[in-house]
Amino acid sequence: MEIYTSVMENSSFVTYILLSAYYGMESLKPLYFCIFMILYIVIIVENVLLIGIIYTEKALHQPMFMFLCNMGANGLYGSTALLPPLLTNLLSNSYEISLPCCQTQIYSLHTYAIVEFTILAVMSYDRYVAICCPLQYHTIMSLTKVYKLIVFSWLYPLVAFFLFFLLTLRLKFCANTIDKLYCINYSLVKLSCTDTTIVNIVGLLSLIVYTVPQLIMILYSYAHILRVSVWSSKESKKKALQTCTPHLFALINYSVGCFFEILQSRFNTGYLPYTTQIFMSIYFLIFPPFFNPAIYGVSIQAIRTPLFKLLKNKNRLSPTK
């Protein structure tokens, strides 16, 4: 009992978290800094361009592109929650982060992940209506409904995760080392010196709440799209494939990243090379916002045409030697 009391007293002094994964970068810190800086700049440019084109082009003021615009905004949100702190740590000799900053990063990264999956689910519903109910598309996907779906895509994850995260905020911590480049909830909970049984049970239940409804929507939408496509003409099949391919790529890309993160969080991956572990841990935070604008920008002509036009005009305006 005395030992437990002593540990609880010491827990009050845990005011910072040490991110020990940075020690593996020390020999190549300048290289890692340049790589992550370039990635962050590219992510910002790509997503701002995508949002700007959708905003300025009236022809793109349609449900699918409005959802895509929000995906771009979420990509900026998630990458900004990760990369500026990561770059700051690479410039520093200390890899410590204050407990409040760690908790803020946890909230930002987890809500980014849930918002991303929710937007992907909403986009799958949009594709289902467009392909399976083309004549009623504009009636079903009215502007009011689109706004409601966008608000839901953000509000539901932000509120739902906050209610669960309140349990983590109440914990006391006895240890202060997380073997990652950033803070995540599961790793922080493991540092607690209090009983975390309730937190772990609620965490598993909340994972179902955050993912199962979206997963059902995605599976339901694509099951109906597949059913309709089977009995359609070749031209209709081709159109459906062209419409769904970018979304499927974005969905697969995000799912691979989530699989890597779950694998690292729940299982021992210490036997893997350090660079592989880093790649797996940051995949779902960097590569979806990195690839999504490129996937949609290249594959959808309605975005590709104004993008190339913009780049062409900039080249004309640039001074020539």
C-alpha atoms as a PDB file:
ATOM      1  CA  MET A   1       0.000   0.000   0.000  1.00  0.00           C
ATOM      2  CA  GLU A   2       2.881   2.370   0.835  1.00  0.00           C
ATOM      3  CA  ILE A   3       4.541   1.603  -2.526  1.00  0.00           C
ATOM      4  CA  TYR A   4       1.308   2.317  -4.401  1.00  0.00           C
ATOM      5  CA  THR A   5       0.882   5.622  -2.514  1.00  0.00           C
ATOM      6  CA  SER A   6       4.469   6.593  -3.357  1.00  0.00           C
ATOM      7  CA  VAL A   7       3.909   5.839  -7.028  1.00  0.00           C
ATOM      8  CA  MET A   8       0.711   7.891  -7.053  1.00  0.00           C
ATOM      9  CA  GLU A   9       2.570  10.827  -5.487  1.00  0.00           C
ATOM     10  CA  ASN A  10       5.311  10.589  -8.120  1.00  0.00           C
ATOM     11  CA  SER A  11       2.716  10.548 -10.891  1.00  0.00           C
ATOM     12  CA  SER A  12       1.839  14.171 -10.155  1.00  0.00           C
ATOM     13  CA  PHE A  13       5.287  15.190 -11.434  1.00  0.00           C
ATOM     14  CA  VAL A  14       4.755  13.742 -14.930  1.00  0.00           C
ATOM     15  CA  THR A  15       4.348  16.969 -16.890  1.00  0.00           C
ATOM     16  CA  TYR A  16       6.050  15.946 -20.140  1.00  0.00           C
ATOM     17  CA  ILE A  17       6.240  12.925 -22.436  1.00  0.00           C
ATOM     18  CA  LEU A  18       9.450  11.623 -24.000  1.00  0.00           C
ATOM     19  CA  LEU A  19       9.066  10.416 -27.616  1.00  0.00           C
ATOM     20  CA  SER A  20      11.914   7.922 -27.701  1.00  0.00           C
ATOM     21  CA  ALA A  21      11.530   6.917 -31.384  1.00  0.00           C
ATOM     22  CA  TYR A  22      13.472  10.060 -32.342  1.00  0.00           C
ATOM     23  CA  TYR A  23      16.703   8.599 -30.962  1.00  0.00           C
ATOM     24  CA  GLY A  24      16.855   6.276 -33.963  1.00  0.00           C
ATOM     25  CA  MET A  25      16.963   9.326 -36.266  1.00  0.00           C
ATOM     26  CA  GLU A  26      19.933  11.057 -34.680  1.00  0.00           C
ATOM     27  CA  SER A  27      22.539   9.869 -37.202  1.00  0.00           C
ATOM     28  CA  LEU A  28      20.462  11.120 -40.157  1.00  0.00           C
ATOM     29  CA  LYS A  29      18.490  14.023 -38.674  1.00  0.00           C
ATOM     30  CA  PRO A  30      19.219  16.486 -41.536  1.00  0.00           C
ATOM     31  CA  LEU A  31      18.055  13.940 -44.116  1.00  0.00           C
ATOM     32  CA  TYR A  32      14.852  13.117 -42.212  1.00  0.00           C
ATOM     33  CA  PHE A  33      14.187  16.823 -41.688  1.00  0.00           C
ATOM     34  CA  CYS A  34      14.484  17.542 -45.433  1.00  0.00           C
ATOM     35  CA  ILE A  35      12.261  14.576 -46.359  1.00  0.00           C
ATOM     36  CA  PHE A  36       9.478  15.527 -43.929  1.00  0.00           C
ATOM     37  CA  MET A  37       9.731  19.217 -44.802  1.00  0.00           C
ATOM     38  CA  ILE A  38       9.352  18.448 -48.532  1.00  0.00           C
ATOM     39  CA  LEU A  39       6.407  16.121 -47.799  1.00  0.00           C
ATOM     40  CA  TYR A  40       4.682  18.794 -45.719  1.00  0.00           C
ATOM     41  CA  ILE A  41       5.171  21.498 -48.360  1.00  0.00           C
ATOM     42  CA  VAL A  42       3.857  19.194 -51.107  1.00  0.00           C
ATOM     43  CA  ILE A  43       0.829  18.234 -48.984  1.00  0.00           C
ATOM     44  CA  ILE A  44       0.002  21.899 -48.350  1.00  0.00           C
ATOM     45  CA  VAL A  45       0.419  22.902 -52.017  1.00  0.00           C
ATOM     46  CA  GLU A  46      -1.579  19.925 -53.352  1.00  0.00           C
ATOM     47  CA  ASN A  47      -4.511  20.274 -50.968  1.00  0.00           C
ATOM     48  CA  VAL A  48      -4.695  24.079 -51.120  1.00  0.00           C
ATOM     49  CA  LEU A  49      -4.672  23.852 -54.938  1.00  0.00           C
ATOM     50  CA  LEU A  50      -7.429  21.237 -54.860  1.00  0.00           C
ATOM     51  CA  ILE A  51      -9.583  23.273 -52.459  1.00  0.00           C
ATOM     52  CA  GLY A  52      -8.933  26.466 -54.442  1.00  0.00           C
ATOM     53  CA  ILE A  53      -9.896  24.912 -57.782  1.00  0.00           C
ATOM     54  CA  ILE A  54     -13.101  23.410 -56.371  1.00  0.00           C
ATOM     55  CA  TYR A  55     -13.986  26.734 -54.717  1.00  0.00           C
ATOM     56  CA  THR A  56     -13.357  28.916 -57.797  1.00  0.00           C
ATOM     57  CA  GLU A  57     -14.762  26.622 -60.509  1.00  0.00           C
ATOM     58  CA  LYS A  58     -18.567  26.819 -60.456  1.00  0.00           C
ATOM     59  CA  ALA A  59     -18.798  23.606 -62.483  1.00  0.00           C
ATOM     60  CA  LEU A  60     -17.256  21.781 -59.516  1.00  0.00           C
ATOM     61  CA  HIS A  61     -19.864  22.977 -57.013  1.00  0.00           C
ATOM     62  CA  GLN A  62     -21.337  19.481 -56.894  1.00  0.00           C
ATOM     63  CA  PRO A  63     -21.700  17.042 -53.963  1.00  0.00           C
ATOM     64  CA  MET A  64     -18.736  14.800 -54.832  1.00  0.00           C
ATOM     65  CA  PHE A  65     -16.331  17.734 -55.177  1.00  0.00           C
ATOM     66  CA  MET A  66     -17.635  19.417 -52.022  1.00  0.00           C
ATOM     67  CA  PHE A  67     -16.887  16.206 -50.102  1.00  0.00           C
ATOM     68  CA  LEU A  68     -13.478  16.060 -51.783  1.00  0.00           C
ATOM     69  CA  CYS A  69     -12.825  19.651 -50.704  1.00  0.00           C
ATOM     70  CA  ASN A  70     -13.495  18.640 -47.101  1.00  0.00           C
ATOM     71  CA  MET A  71     -11.175  15.658 -47.474  1.00  0.00           C
ATOM     72  CA  GLY A  72      -8.452  18.070 -48.551  1.00  0.00           C
ATOM     73  CA  ALA A  73      -9.134  20.284 -45.522  1.00  0.00           C
ATOM     74  CA  ASN A  74      -8.952  17.238 -43.246  1.00  0.00           C
ATOM     75  CA  GLY A  75      -5.660  16.214 -44.864  1.00  0.00           C
ATOM     76  CA  LEU A  76      -4.224  19.638 -43.975  1.00  0.00           C
ATOM     77  CA  TYR A  77      -5.599  19.257 -40.434  1.00  0.00           C
ATOM     78  CA  GLY A  78      -4.033  15.829 -39.865  1.00  0.00           C
ATOM     79  CA  SER A  79      -0.659  16.532 -41.456  1.00  0.00           C
ATOM     80  CA  THR A  80      -0.357  19.824 -39.546  1.00  0.00           C
ATOM     81  CA  ALA A  81      -1.032  18.010 -36.263  1.00  0.00           C
ATOM     82  CA  LEU A  82       1.908  15.695 -37.034  1.00  0.00           C
ATOM     83  CA  LEU A  83       4.577  17.342 -39.175  1.00  0.00           C
ATOM     84  CA  PRO A  84       5.307  20.756 -37.566  1.00  0.00           C
ATOM     85  CA  PRO A  85       5.870  19.124 -34.122  1.00  0.00           C
ATOM     86  CA  LEU A  86       7.907  16.380 -35.806  1.00  0.00           C
ATOM     87  CA  LEU A  87      10.102  18.931 -37.611  1.00  0.00           C
ATOM     88  CA  THR A  88      10.520  20.912 -34.393  1.00  0.00           C
ATOM     89  CA  ASN A  89      11.686  17.802 -32.548  1.00  0.00           C
ATOM     90  CA  LEU A  90      14.191  17.021 -35.304  1.00  0.00           C
ATOM     91  CA  LEU A  91      15.704  20.487 -34.828  1.00  0.00           C
ATOM     92  CA  SER A  92      15.887  20.001 -31.083  1.00  0.00           C
ATOM     93  CA  ASN A  93      18.236  17.961 -28.925  1.00  0.00           C
ATOM     94  CA  SER A  94      15.347  17.134 -26.621  1.00  0.00           C
ATOM     95  CA  TYR A  95      12.499  14.900 -27.680  1.00  0.00           C
ATOM     96  CA  GLU A  96      10.150  15.898 -24.903  1.00  0.00           C
ATOM     97  CA  ILE A  97       6.641  17.212 -25.369  1.00  0.00           C
ATOM     98  CA  SER A  98       4.509  18.697 -22.622  1.00  0.00           C
ATOM     99  CA  LEU A  99       1.605  16.560 -21.432  1.00  0.00           C
ATOM    100  CA  PRO A 100      -1.048  19.094 -22.581  1.00  0.00           C
ATOM    101  CA  CYS A 101       0.591  19.287 -26.049  1.00  0.00           C
ATOM    102  CA  CYS A 102       0.695  15.482 -26.200  1.00  0.00           C
ATOM    103  CA  GLN A 103      -2.999  15.289 -25.314  1.00  0.00           C
ATOM    104  CA  THR A 104      -3.831  17.961 -27.904  1.00  0.00           C
ATOM    105  CA  GLN A 105      -1.936  16.005 -30.564  1.00  0.00           C
ATOM    106  CA  ILE A 106      -3.779  12.821 -29.601  1.00  0.00           C
ATOM    107  CA  TYR A 107      -7.133  14.549 -30.019  1.00  0.00           C
ATOM    108  CA  SER A 108      -6.126  16.062 -33.369  1.00  0.00           C
ATOM    109  CA  LEU A 109      -4.688  12.874 -34.877  1.00  0.00           C
ATOM    110  CA  HIS A 110      -7.524  10.616 -33.740  1.00  0.00           C
ATOM    111  CA  THR A 111     -10.237  13.002 -34.919  1.00  0.00           C
ATOM    112  CA  TYR A 112      -8.406  13.382 -38.244  1.00  0.00           C
ATOM    113  CA  ALA A 113      -8.538   9.598 -38.676  1.00  0.00           C
ATOM    114  CA  ILE A 114     -12.246   9.354 -37.833  1.00  0.00           C
ATOM    115  CA  VAL A 115     -13.187  12.360 -39.997  1.00  0.00           C
ATOM    116  CA  GLU A 116     -11.263  10.846 -42.929  1.00  0.00           C
ATOM    117  CA  PHE A 117     -13.097   7.520 -42.665  1.00  0.00           C
ATOM    118  CA  THR A 118     -16.454   9.277 -42.247  1.00  0.00           C
ATOM    119  CA  ILE A 119     -15.875  11.420 -45.356  1.00  0.00           C
ATOM    120  CA  LEU A 120     -14.884   8.303 -47.319  1.00  0.00           C
ATOM    121  CA  ALA A 121     -18.135   6.653 -46.180  1.00  0.00           C
ATOM    122  CA  VAL A 122     -20.194   9.703 -47.209  1.00  0.00           C
ATOM    123  CA  MET A 123     -18.441   9.756 -50.599  1.00  0.00           C
ATOM    124  CA  SER A 124     -19.271   6.077 -51.124  1.00  0.00           C
ATOM    125  CA  TYR A 125     -22.943   6.902 -50.444  1.00  0.00           C
ATOM    126  CA  ASP A 126     -22.715   9.735 -52.977  1.00  0.00           C
ATOM    127  CA  ARG A 127     -21.302   7.334 -55.611  1.00  0.00           C
ATOM    128  CA  TYR A 128     -24.075   4.826 -54.798  1.00  0.00           C
ATOM    129  CA  VAL A 129     -26.794   7.440 -55.420  1.00  0.00           C
ATOM    130  CA  ALA A 130     -25.078   8.683 -58.604  1.00  0.00           C
ATOM    131  CA  ILE A 131     -24.790   5.203 -60.141  1.00  0.00           C
ATOM    132  CA  CYS A 132     -27.853   3.404 -58.761  1.00  0.00           C
ATOM    133  CA  CYS A 133     -30.324   6.318 -58.778  1.00  0.00           C
ATOM    134  CA  PRO A 134     -29.042   8.688 -61.499  1.00  0.00           C
ATOM    135  CA  LEU A 135     -32.428  10.243 -62.279  1.00  0.00           C
ATOM    136  CA  GLN A 136     -33.094  11.082 -58.610  1.00  0.00           C
ATOM    137  CA  TYR A 137     -29.484  12.101 -57.850  1.00  0.00           C
ATOM    138  CA  HIS A 138     -30.000  15.858 -57.595  1.00  0.00           C
ATOM    139  CA  THR A 139     -33.211  15.363 -55.609  1.00  0.00           C
ATOM    140  CA  ILE A 140     -31.625  12.979 -53.109  1.00  0.00           C
ATOM    141  CA  MET A 141     -28.284  14.808 -52.897  1.00  0.00           C
ATOM    142  CA  SER A 142     -29.792  18.257 -52.450  1.00  0.00           C
ATOM    143  CA  LEU A 143     -27.619  21.156 -51.305  1.00  0.00           C
ATOM    144  CA  THR A 144     -29.216  21.023 -47.844  1.00  0.00           C
ATOM    145  CA  LYS A 145     -28.461  17.326 -47.496  1.00  0.00           C
ATOM    146  CA  VAL A 146     -24.867  17.827 -48.678  1.00  0.00           C
ATOM    147  CA  TYR A 147     -24.320  20.525 -46.035  1.00  0.00           C
ATOM    148  CA  LYS A 148     -25.808  18.249 -43.375  1.00  0.00           C
ATOM    149  CA  LEU A 149     -23.523  15.374 -44.397  1.00  0.00           C
ATOM    150  CA  ILE A 150     -20.461  17.659 -44.317  1.00  0.00           C
ATOM    151  CA  VAL A 151     -21.345  18.974 -40.848  1.00  0.00           C
ATOM    152  CA  PHE A 152     -21.986  15.409 -39.668  1.00  0.00           C
ATOM    153  CA  SER A 153     -18.628  14.242 -41.085  1.00  0.00           C
ATOM    154  CA  TRP A 154     -16.844  16.732 -38.826  1.00  0.00           C
ATOM    155  CA  LEU A 155     -19.117  17.122 -35.811  1.00  0.00           C
ATOM    156  CA  TYR A 156     -19.696  13.419 -35.139  1.00  0.00           C
ATOM    157  CA  PRO A 157     -15.969  12.491 -34.883  1.00  0.00           C
ATOM    158  CA  LEU A 158     -15.022  15.647 -32.948  1.00  0.00           C
ATOM    159  CA  VAL A 159     -17.738  15.163 -30.315  1.00  0.00           C
ATOM    160  CA  ALA A 160     -17.676  11.345 -30.156  1.00  0.00           C
ATOM    161  CA  PHE A 161     -13.925  11.112 -29.612  1.00  0.00           C
ATOM    162  CA  PHE A 162     -13.938  13.989 -27.107  1.00  0.00           C
ATOM    163  CA  LEU A 163     -16.476  12.155 -24.919  1.00  0.00           C
ATOM    164  CA  PHE A 164     -14.219   9.078 -24.866  1.00  0.00           C
ATOM    165  CA  PHE A 165     -11.031  11.137 -24.494  1.00  0.00           C
ATOM    166  CA  LEU A 166     -12.352  12.628 -21.243  1.00  0.00           C
ATOM    167  CA  LEU A 167     -11.530   9.271 -19.617  1.00  0.00           C
ATOM    168  CA  THR A 168      -7.887   9.571 -20.707  1.00  0.00           C
ATOM    169  CA  LEU A 169      -7.665  13.156 -19.467  1.00  0.00           C
ATOM    170  CA  ARG A 170      -8.610  11.982 -15.963  1.00  0.00           C
ATOM    171  CA  LEU A 171      -5.786   9.437 -15.727  1.00  0.00           C
ATOM    172  CA  LYS A 172      -2.639   9.922 -13.643  1.00  0.00           C
ATOM    173  CA  PHE A 173       0.672   8.868 -15.191  1.00  0.00           C
ATOM    174  CA  CYS A 174       3.671   7.186 -13.571  1.00  0.00           C
ATOM    175  CA  ALA A 175       5.838   6.769 -16.683  1.00  0.00           C
ATOM    176  CA  ASN A 176       6.581   9.280 -19.412  1.00  0.00           C
ATOM    177  CA  THR A 177       8.118   7.454 -22.391  1.00  0.00           C
ATOM    178  CA  ILE A 178       6.281   6.669 -25.638  1.00  0.00           C
ATOM    179  CA  ASP A 179       8.246   4.781 -28.275  1.00  0.00           C
ATOM    180  CA  LYS A 180       6.786   6.689 -31.221  1.00  0.00           C
ATOM    181  CA  LEU A 181       7.288   9.930 -33.151  1.00  0.00           C
ATOM    182  CA  TYR A 182       3.951  11.282 -31.939  1.00  0.00           C
ATOM    183  CA  CYS A 183       1.423  10.762 -29.172  1.00  0.00           C
ATOM    184  CA  ILE A 184      -1.476   8.346 -29.553  1.00  0.00           C
ATOM    185  CA  ASN A 185      -4.138   7.530 -27.010  1.00  0.00           C
ATOM    186  CA  TYR A 186      -3.362   3.822 -26.523  1.00  0.00           C
ATOM    187  CA  SER A 187       0.318   4.531 -25.782  1.00  0.00           C
ATOM    188  CA  LEU A 188      -0.541   7.292 -23.314  1.00  0.00           C
ATOM    189  CA  VAL A 189      -3.088   5.137 -21.487  1.00  0.00           C
ATOM    190  CA  LYS A 190      -0.416   2.448 -21.006  1.00  0.00           C
ATOM    191  CA  LEU A 191       1.641   4.972 -18.994  1.00  0.00           C
ATOM    192  CA  SER A 192      -1.100   5.317 -16.397  1.00  0.00           C
ATOM    193  CA  CYS A 193      -0.523   4.102 -12.846  1.00  0.00           C
ATOM    194  CA  THR A 194      -4.260   3.776 -12.217  1.00  0.00           C
ATOM    195  CA  ASP A 195      -6.515   0.940 -13.307  1.00  0.00           C
ATOM    196  CA  THR A 196      -7.315   1.359 -17.021  1.00  0.00           C
ATOM    197  CA  THR A 197      -9.753  -1.548 -17.414  1.00  0.00           C
ATOM    198  CA  ILE A 198     -12.761   0.729 -17.937  1.00  0.00           C
ATOM    199  CA  VAL A 199     -10.805   2.943 -20.344  1.00  0.00           C
ATOM    200  CA  ASN A 200      -9.721  -0.089 -22.397  1.00  0.00           C
ATOM    201  CA  ILE A 201     -13.257  -1.524 -22.547  1.00  0.00           C
ATOM    202  CA  VAL A 202     -14.782   1.832 -23.505  1.00  0.00           C
ATOM    203  CA  GLY A 203     -11.950   2.273 -26.023  1.00  0.00           C
ATOM    204  CA  LEU A 204     -12.828  -0.979 -27.779  1.00  0.00           C
ATOM    205  CA  LEU A 205     -16.531  -0.084 -27.788  1.00  0.00           C
ATOM    206  CA  SER A 206     -15.795   3.396 -29.119  1.00  0.00           C
ATOM    207  CA  LEU A 207     -13.680   1.873 -31.902  1.00  0.00           C
ATOM    208  CA  ILE A 208     -16.822   0.030 -33.011  1.00  0.00           C
ATOM    209  CA  VAL A 209     -18.835   3.267 -32.876  1.00  0.00           C
ATOM    210  CA  TYR A 210     -16.181   5.139 -34.902  1.00  0.00           C
ATOM    211  CA  THR A 211     -15.774   2.532 -37.637  1.00  0.00           C
ATOM    212  CA  VAL A 212     -18.695   0.087 -37.972  1.00  0.00           C
ATOM    213  CA  PRO A 213     -21.381   2.555 -39.226  1.00  0.00           C
ATOM    214  CA  GLN A 214     -18.973   3.910 -41.849  1.00  0.00           C
ATOM    215  CA  LEU A 215     -17.898   0.405 -42.846  1.00  0.00           C
ATOM    216  CA  ILE A 216     -21.523  -0.690 -43.246  1.00  0.00           C
ATOM    217  CA  MET A 217     -22.220   2.351 -45.433  1.00  0.00           C
ATOM    218  CA  ILE A 218     -19.188   1.633 -47.650  1.00  0.00           C
ATOM    219  CA  LEU A 219     -19.995  -2.075 -48.038  1.00  0.00           C
ATOM    220  CA  TYR A 220     -23.689  -1.365 -48.630  1.00  0.00           C
ATOM    221  CA  SER A 221     -22.931   1.274 -51.273  1.00  0.00           C
ATOM    222  CA  TYR A 222     -20.433  -0.822 -53.213  1.00  0.00           C
ATOM    223  CA  ALA A 223     -22.564  -3.958 -52.982  1.00  0.00           C
ATOM    224  CA  HIS A 224     -25.393  -2.096 -54.741  1.00  0.00           C
ATOM    225  CA  ILE A 225     -22.997  -0.463 -57.222  1.00  0.00           C
ATOM    226  CA  LEU A 226     -21.622  -3.912 -58.093  1.00  0.00           C
ATOM    227  CA  ARG A 227     -25.123  -5.363 -58.432  1.00  0.00           C
ATOM    228  CA  VAL A 228     -26.241  -2.579 -60.782  1.00  0.00           C
ATOM    229  CA  SER A 229     -23.005  -2.687 -62.797  1.00  0.00           C
ATOM    230  CA  VAL A 230     -23.286  -6.431 -63.451  1.00  0.00           C
ATOM    231  CA  TRP A 231     -26.541  -5.945 -65.376  1.00  0.00           C
ATOM    232  CA  SER A 232     -25.522  -2.711 -67.072  1.00  0.00           C
ATOM    233  CA  SER A 233     -24.115  -2.107 -70.553  1.00  0.00           C
ATOM    234  CA  LYS A 234     -20.383  -1.940 -71.222  1.00  0.00           C
ATOM    235  CA  GLU A 235     -20.561   1.832 -71.432  1.00  0.00           C
ATOM    236  CA  SER A 236     -22.312   2.054 -68.052  1.00  0.00           C
ATOM    237  CA  LYS A 237     -19.769  -0.319 -66.482  1.00  0.00           C
ATOM    238  CA  LYS A 238     -16.921   1.802 -67.822  1.00  0.00           C
ATOM    239  CA  LYS A 239     -18.514   4.977 -66.456  1.00  0.00           C
ATOM    240  CA  ALA A 240     -19.089   3.375 -63.045  1.00  0.00           C
ATOM    241  CA  LEU A 241     -15.491   2.192 -62.931  1.00  0.00           C
ATOM    242  CA  GLN A 242     -14.176   5.649 -63.833  1.00  0.00           C
ATOM    243  CA  THR A 243     -16.402   7.220 -61.178  1.00  0.00           C
ATOM    244  CA  CYS A 244     -15.457   4.814 -58.375  1.00  0.00           C
ATOM    245  CA  THR A 245     -11.751   4.207 -59.082  1.00  0.00           C
ATOM    246  CA  PRO A 246     -10.400   7.374 -57.370  1.00  0.00           C
ATOM    247  CA  HIS A 247     -12.553   6.733 -54.304  1.00  0.00           C
ATOM    248  CA  LEU A 248     -11.464   3.090 -54.132  1.00  0.00           C
ATOM    249  CA  PHE A 249      -7.795   4.095 -54.368  1.00  0.00           C
ATOM    250  CA  ALA A 250      -8.288   6.665 -51.573  1.00  0.00           C
ATOM    251  CA  LEU A 251     -10.124   4.097 -49.452  1.00  0.00           C
ATOM    252  CA  ILE A 252      -7.480   1.394 -49.949  1.00  0.00           C
ATOM    253  CA  ASN A 253      -4.669   3.874 -49.290  1.00  0.00           C
ATOM    254  CA  TYR A 254      -6.255   4.955 -45.998  1.00  0.00           C
ATOM    255  CA  SER A 255      -7.111   1.386 -44.959  1.00  0.00           C
ATOM    256  CA  VAL A 256      -3.513   0.241 -45.488  1.00  0.00           C
ATOM    257  CA  GLY A 257      -2.311   3.083 -43.248  1.00  0.00           C
ATOM    258  CA  CYS A 258      -4.812   2.189 -40.515  1.00  0.00           C
ATOM    259  CA  PHE A 259      -3.789  -1.472 -40.726  1.00  0.00           C
ATOM    260  CA  PHE A 260      -0.139  -0.482 -40.215  1.00  0.00           C
ATOM    261  CA  GLU A 261      -1.033   1.680 -37.214  1.00  0.00           C
ATOM    262  CA  ILE A 262      -3.174  -1.034 -35.567  1.00  0.00           C
ATOM    263  CA  LEU A 263      -0.440  -3.595 -36.211  1.00  0.00           C
ATOM    264  CA  GLN A 264       2.183  -1.415 -34.527  1.00  0.00           C
ATOM    265  CA  SER A 265      -0.021  -0.391 -31.617  1.00  0.00           C
ATOM    266  CA  ARG A 266      -1.274  -3.837 -30.684  1.00  0.00           C
ATOM    267  CA  PHE A 267       1.638  -6.118 -31.617  1.00  0.00           C
ATOM    268  CA  ASN A 268       5.380  -6.133 -31.105  1.00  0.00           C
ATOM    269  CA  THR A 269       7.069  -4.950 -34.305  1.00  0.00           C
ATOM    270  CA  GLY A 270      10.468  -4.344 -32.732  1.00  0.00           C
ATOM    271  CA  TYR A 271      12.035  -6.994 -34.957  1.00  0.00           C
ATOM    272  CA  LEU A 272      11.391  -4.842 -38.048  1.00  0.00           C
ATOM    273  CA  PRO A 273      14.050  -2.404 -39.324  1.00  0.00           C
ATOM    274  CA  TYR A 274      13.778   1.096 -37.845  1.00  0.00           C
ATOM    275  CA  THR A 275      12.925   2.761 -41.176  1.00  0.00           C
ATOM    276  CA  THR A 276      10.131   0.223 -41.741  1.00  0.00           C
ATOM    277  CA  GLN A 277       8.655   0.998 -38.333  1.00  0.00           C
ATOM    278  CA  ILE A 278       8.760   4.732 -39.052  1.00  0.00           C
ATOM    279  CA  PHE A 279       7.153   4.228 -42.467  1.00  0.00           C
ATOM    280  CA  MET A 280       4.339   2.142 -40.960  1.00  0.00           C
ATOM    281  CA  SER A 281       3.695   4.559 -38.095  1.00  0.00           C
ATOM    282  CA  ILE A 282       3.313   7.697 -40.230  1.00  0.00           C
ATOM    283  CA  TYR A 283       1.672   6.146 -43.325  1.00  0.00           C
ATOM    284  CA  PHE A 284      -1.961   6.929 -42.445  1.00  0.00           C
ATOM    285  CA  LEU A 285      -1.070  10.506 -41.463  1.00  0.00           C
ATOM    286  CA  ILE A 286       1.079  11.472 -44.463  1.00  0.00           C
ATOM    287  CA  PHE A 287       0.262   9.367 -47.509  1.00  0.00           C
ATOM    288  CA  PRO A 288      -3.542   9.843 -47.755  1.00  0.00           C
ATOM    289  CA  PRO A 289      -3.250  13.678 -47.820  1.00  0.00           C
ATOM    290  CA  PHE A 290      -0.205  13.305 -50.090  1.00  0.00           C
ATOM    291  CA  PHE A 291      -1.786  10.971 -52.678  1.00  0.00           C
ATOM    292  CA  ASN A 292      -5.504  11.884 -52.576  1.00  0.00           C
ATOM    293  CA  PRO A 293      -5.206  15.244 -54.407  1.00  0.00           C
ATOM    294  CA  ALA A 294      -2.963  13.606 -57.019  1.00  0.00           C
ATOM    295  CA  ILE A 295      -5.346  10.657 -57.468  1.00  0.00           C
ATOM    296  CA  TYR A 296      -8.406  12.864 -57.966  1.00  0.00           C
ATOM    297  CA  GLY A 297      -6.549  15.587 -59.851  1.00  0.00           C
ATOM    298  CA  VAL A 298      -5.176  13.175 -62.456  1.00  0.00           C
ATOM    299  CA  SER A 299      -8.153  10.832 -62.838  1.00  0.00           C
ATOM    300  CA  ILE A 300     -11.052  13.335 -62.901  1.00  0.00           C
ATOM    301  CA  GLN A 301     -11.092  15.540 -65.999  1.00  0.00           C
ATOM    302  CA  ALA A 302     -13.280  18.188 -64.339  1.00  0.00           C
ATOM    303  CA  ILE A 303     -10.403  18.859 -61.907  1.00  0.00           C
ATOM    304  CA  ARG A 304      -7.523  18.058 -64.261  1.00  0.00           C
ATOM    305  CA  THR A 305      -8.534  20.589 -66.938  1.00  0.00           C
ATOM    306  CA  PRO A 306      -8.676  23.722 -64.716  1.00  0.00           C
ATOM    307  CA  LEU A 307      -5.532  22.551 -62.883  1.00  0.00           C
ATOM    308  CA  PHE A 308      -3.515  22.270 -66.101  1.00  0.00           C
ATOM    309  CA  LYS A 309      -4.993  25.578 -67.259  1.00  0.00           C
ATOM    310  CA  LEU A 310      -3.860  27.248 -64.032  1.00  0.00           C
ATOM    311  CA  LEU A 311      -0.347  25.812 -64.316  1.00  0.00           C
ATOM    312  CA  LYS A 312      -0.165  26.832 -67.977  1.00  0.00           C
ATOM    313  CA  ASN A 313      -1.176  30.420 -67.150  1.00  0.00           C
ATOM    314  CA  LYS A 314       1.424  30.598 -64.389  1.00  0.00           C
ATOM    315  CA  ASN A 315       4.121  29.460 -66.825  1.00  0.00           C
ATOM    316  CA  ARG A 316       3.086  32.213 -69.238  1.00  0.00           C
ATOM    317  CA  LEU A 317       3.250  34.846 -66.510  1.00  0.00           C
ATOM    318  CA  SER A 318       6.646  33.704 -65.219  1.00  0.00           C
ATOM    319  CA  PRO A 319       9.564  35.858 -66.492  1.00  0.00           C
ATOM    320  CA  THR A 320      11.586  34.376 -69.317  1.00  0.00           C
ATOM    321  CA  LYS A 321      15.303  34.765 -69.720  1.00  0.00           C
END
